[in-house]
Amino acid sequence: MSARLLKKVLKEQEQKKQHVIEEDEQSELLNDDESVSPDSGAGSSKNPFDLLNEGDDADEDNADQVYADETSTRKQEQPPSVKNALNSASTSNNKSKKKKQKKGKEGYLSTGKRETPLDVNLEALALDIESSSQQSGLNKQPGFENFKQSKPSVLHVDPKYLNVENELRRIFGSKVVKSFEKSNQSSSSRQVRGGRRGNHHIRKTVLISPSDHWPRWDGSLKMEFLETKDGYHYFRYTHSSSYDQAQRAFEAAQAIHDLNGVASVLMYHPYHLDSLITMADYFKFVGEHQMSADAIAKCLYAMECAWHPMFTPLQGNCQLKFSHDSNKPLFKALFTHMKNMDRRGCHRSALEVCKLLLALDSDDPMGAMFCLDYFALRAGEYAWLEQFSEDYRTDTSLWLLPSFSYSLAVCRFYLEQEESSDADTAKASSADLMNQALMLHPPVLTKLVAKVPLKDQAWTNILKNSYFHSDQLGIPSVDHLINIYVEQNYLIWRLPDLQKLLRDGASHVIQTLEHNKNDAKDWTCVRREAFPSNKNEYGHLLVQDFSDTVQTLPPDNLQNFMVDMRDPAHLGGHVANPPAGGQAPALRDVANRNPLAVLFESLLPWVNYGGPEDGIVDENRVNEQGQGNEDL
C-alpha cells in the first residue's frame, strides 16, 4: 500500500470516528435534558477524557467539591423555591462544563493532527524501533554491556541518500524511472525463466536494493569483532568452508587463465566475491554496464548480509582495515559502485558512498579523499565540504592537497553567492583561496587549459609566463595527485563563472610575482615541507580509475584471462584467411562447453567461432547429422 493511499484510509477512519463521537455527544445531551433531576448532578458518570486533565485541574475540582458541599447544606436550610432555583443553576453548570470538555477534546485532536503529520509519526516510530532494537542487540552481546554510541562523525552517512532510485526520481521524475523499470522487468523475468523459482525472502539492505530474482543468501561470509581502540570498533570478514572451496576453484581458474572457470564458480557459488568482481570488470570492458553494475550490487549485498550486529559503519565509528585480505573485496566493490553512480549522474549518492569508503579505513587505501571534494561540488554540498575540511583530522592539512586547494576556492565562490551581506568576514574569500591554490600548484592551470580545453587568447598569454609554463613540479607525489585531480574534475571548469575566477586568479598571481619574485621561492618551500618524500606515496592509485571514460582495453587484472583468447598458439586452433601483416582472430570450438561461458566469450571482438562465410564447414559432422536423421 502506498503512503498516499494509507493517508487517505486513515483520514476516512478519523472522519468516521469523529462522526460517531458527535452523534454520541448529541445523544448524551438529549438524555441529560430528559432525565435532569435535583440529585442527578452528583451521580453523573465520569468522562474518560477527564483523566487527561486531572493533574492540571485538581484545584478546580476541589473548589467545585467544596462549592457542592456548601450548596447541599444550604439547600436543606432554604425554602423550596430557592432550592428549585439552585438545582436549575447546577444543571446548567454541568451542561456547560461537559461542552467545554468536549470542545477541549476536539481541539486536542485537531491540534495534535495539525502538529504531527502522519508521515512524521511513522518515520519517528520506525527510528525508535530501530534504535531500540540496536540497543537491545548491543546489550545481548558479550563485552558490549557498556557500549555507548560516540558523537556524530563528520563522515556520518545519511542512509536515505544511498538509494540510487530515489535520486533518479528527483532528477528525472517518477514517470521516467517507472517506465525504465517496466522495460527492465522483461529482462528480469527472462533471467528467472528456466530455473527453479523459489519463494525465498530477499533481505532489505542499506547499500543497494536487491532484486527479487537474485539467489538466496547462502551465509558463506561472516564478520567478527576484533577490538575497540581509541573509540573505534575493529572488525574483519571471515569465510566458511564452502567459501574457501570456491576460493580455491577461483584461484585454480586464475592460474590457468580460464575466464570460463570463473563463470562456472558463480554457478555453484553465486556470491563468491572475487568472481563477481572479476566478471564485473569483464562486463564493463565489453560494454555491458548494467550487468557489471548488477554483479557489483550482488557483491555488496552479500557483504552487507554478513555484517556483525555491532557493525554500524554509517555512524563513522567502525574500522574495517584493508590490510586484512578478507576485507579487500568490500573496498573494491564500494569504489566501483561509487563510480557507477557517478556515471549515472547520482552524485549525492556517490558522495555518501565515498564518505563510507573513507570512514571504513582511515588509511584511505582506495583514494576516496581525492573523490570527496568532486562529489561534494557536483552534489551542491558546499557548506558540508567546508566543515569537513575544518573538522577532519589528518597528518597533512587538506588545503595543501591539489584537489582541496582548488575545490575549497570553488566551494567558497558558490557560498559567497548564497550568503547575504552579513556573511562571515573572518574566512578567506574565493579570490584569495584561488590565488593560494595557483601559487601552490601552478601545473594544475596548465593541465586544465589542455584538458577542458580553454582556447581563448587570454589563456595563451597566461601560459607564456614562466611560472605557468611547466606542467611538472618535480615532486612525484604532488605531480601524481595533480594528474588525478585534472582527470576527474576537469568538467567543473567548463562553467564560465569558474573560468573567470581561474583567469582572474592567474592574472593576479602574475602581477604579484612581477613585484615580488621571492613569493615563488616561499611557496616552493611550502611544497617541500608538505611533501618531503622523493617517492610517489600515491603510486598505488591509478589515474585511469578516477577517469569518467570507459576503457577500451582490458584492465590489468584481466590481461591474463584474455591471453588464451587472443593468442591462437595457446589453443592449437586454425586460422582461416589470415590478413597480411597481422594475426587473425582465434577460431574457438563451442562443443561440450558451457553455454553461458560461450555467450560471455562471444562478446569479445577478437573471438571467432567460424561459419559458412569463413569457408569452414565440418563435412564429417554434417554427414553424421544426416545419417542420424535418416535413422530416425
Foldseek 3Di string as FASTA:
>chain_A
DDPVVVQVVVVVVVVVVVVVVVVVVVVVVVVCVVPQDLPVVVVDDDDPLVVVCCVVCVVVVVVVVVVVVVVVVVLVVDDPVVSVVVSVVSSVVVVVVVVVSVVVVVVVVVVVCVPAPPVNVVVVVVVVVVVVVLVVVQCVDPPRVVPDDDDFDLLQFDLVLLELLVLCCVVPNPVVSVVVVVVCVVVLVVVQPPDDDDPDDQDQDRNYGDDPSDDDQPPQKAKDWDDADPQATEMEMDGDPVLVVLVVQVVVCLVQLALQSLVVSCVVVVQNLVSLQVVLLLCLQLPNNVSSLNSLVSNVSNVRVRDDSNDDLSRLRYAYDCVDVRSVSVLVSLLVNLLSCVLVLSLSSSLSSLSSSCSHHVVNLAPSVLVNLVSCVSVVVLVSVVVCQVPDDDPFRPCLALSNLLSNLVSQVVVVVVDDPPDDPVDDHSLVSLLLSCLQQVLLLVLLCVVLPPDDPLSVVLCVDPSNVDNDDQAQQRSVSSLLNCQQRSPVCVDPVNVVSNSVSSVVNVVVCVVPVCSSVVSNVVNCVRRVDSDHPNVSHDSVSNHSDRDNDRDPSSPSSCVVQADQVNVVADAFPADPPDGAAGADDPPPGDPVVVVSVVSDPRYHNDDVVSVDDDVVVVVVVVVVVVVD
